[in-house]
Amino acid sequence: MDEKEIKRVASQVAIDFLKREEKVDFVVEEVNFTSSKELTNVFVEGYEKGDKKNKMTVMIDYVNDFEVEGVGSDK
């Protein structure tokens, strides 16, 4: 899977996860890979729809079936 496809899938996983688990409509702003080559995580960054001040980040392991490993938010 190339970088573009990983970002696309990770974004959708983050949107679906936050909708299901947090009842939040998530708007993706960007997806960043970790700087370490040993780690297999991406950070999907964005905000809660209708509340741009509530920034959120979802950490996803793209090698391990796009498993969500953590969520952080400004709230």
Protein backbone atom coordinates (compact mmCIF):
# COMPACT_ATOMS: atom_id res chain seq x y z
CA MET A 1 0.00 0.00 0.00
CA ASP A 2 1.46 3.38 -0.91
CA GLU A 3 1.54 6.47 1.31
CA LYS A 4 -1.47 8.11 -0.34
CA GLU A 5 -3.61 4.99 0.16
CA ILE A 6 -2.49 4.65 3.80
CA LYS A 7 -3.53 8.26 4.44
CA ARG A 8 -6.90 7.71 2.76
CA VAL A 9 -7.70 4.55 4.72
CA ALA A 10 -6.42 5.98 8.03
CA SER A 11 -8.60 9.07 7.57
CA GLN A 12 -11.71 6.94 7.05
CA VAL A 13 -10.84 4.73 10.04
CA ALA A 14 -10.49 7.85 12.24
CA ILE A 15 -13.81 9.28 11.02
CA ASP A 16 -15.64 5.98 11.58
CA PHE A 17 -14.03 5.37 14.98
CA LEU A 18 -14.89 8.80 16.38
CA LYS A 19 -18.43 8.59 15.03
CA ARG A 20 -18.97 5.18 16.62
CA GLU A 21 -17.08 5.56 19.91
CA GLU A 22 -17.33 9.29 20.69
CA LYS A 23 -20.46 10.30 18.72
CA VAL A 24 -18.33 12.98 17.02
CA ASP A 25 -18.38 14.04 13.37
CA PHE A 26 -14.66 14.39 12.62
CA VAL A 27 -13.19 16.60 9.90
CA VAL A 28 -9.70 15.52 8.79
CA GLU A 29 -7.20 18.31 8.18
CA GLU A 30 -4.02 16.31 7.69
CA VAL A 31 -2.38 12.92 8.15
CA ASN A 32 1.24 12.63 9.26
CA PHE A 33 3.53 9.64 9.53
CA THR A 34 5.75 9.23 12.59
CA SER A 35 9.30 10.44 12.03
CA SER A 36 10.74 7.12 13.22
CA LYS A 37 11.13 4.40 10.58
CA GLU A 38 10.67 1.71 13.26
CA LEU A 39 7.15 2.88 14.13
CA THR A 40 4.14 2.16 11.95
CA ASN A 41 1.78 4.89 13.10
CA VAL A 42 0.05 7.78 11.44
CA PHE A 43 -1.51 10.72 13.21
CA VAL A 44 -4.83 11.82 11.74
CA GLU A 45 -5.40 15.42 12.80
CA GLY A 46 -8.56 17.45 12.55
CA TYR A 47 -11.45 18.85 14.52
CA GLU A 48 -15.00 18.19 15.59
CA LYS A 49 -17.44 19.34 12.90
CA GLY A 50 -19.07 22.57 14.04
CA ASP A 51 -16.36 23.20 16.66
CA LYS A 52 -13.03 24.02 15.01
CA LYS A 53 -11.58 24.85 18.43
CA ASN A 54 -11.93 21.19 19.47
CA LYS A 55 -8.81 19.87 17.76
CA MET A 56 -8.46 16.09 17.77
CA THR A 57 -5.74 13.61 16.87
CA VAL A 58 -6.20 9.89 16.25
CA MET A 59 -3.14 7.63 16.34
CA ILE A 60 -3.48 4.63 14.03
CA ASP A 61 -1.14 1.66 13.47
CA TYR A 62 -1.41 1.16 9.72
CA VAL A 63 0.52 -2.15 9.70
CA ASN A 64 -1.69 -3.74 12.37
CA ASP A 65 -5.00 -3.59 10.43
CA PHE A 66 -5.33 0.17 10.96
CA GLU A 67 -5.90 -0.31 14.68
CA VAL A 68 -6.72 2.87 16.61
CA GLU A 69 -4.14 3.17 19.37
CA GLY A 70 -5.18 6.46 20.90
CA VAL A 71 -7.26 9.61 20.67
CA GLY A 72 -6.45 13.04 21.98
CA SER A 73 -8.55 16.19 22.00
CA ASP A 74 -8.55 19.74 23.29
CA LYS A 75 -11.62 19.03 25.42
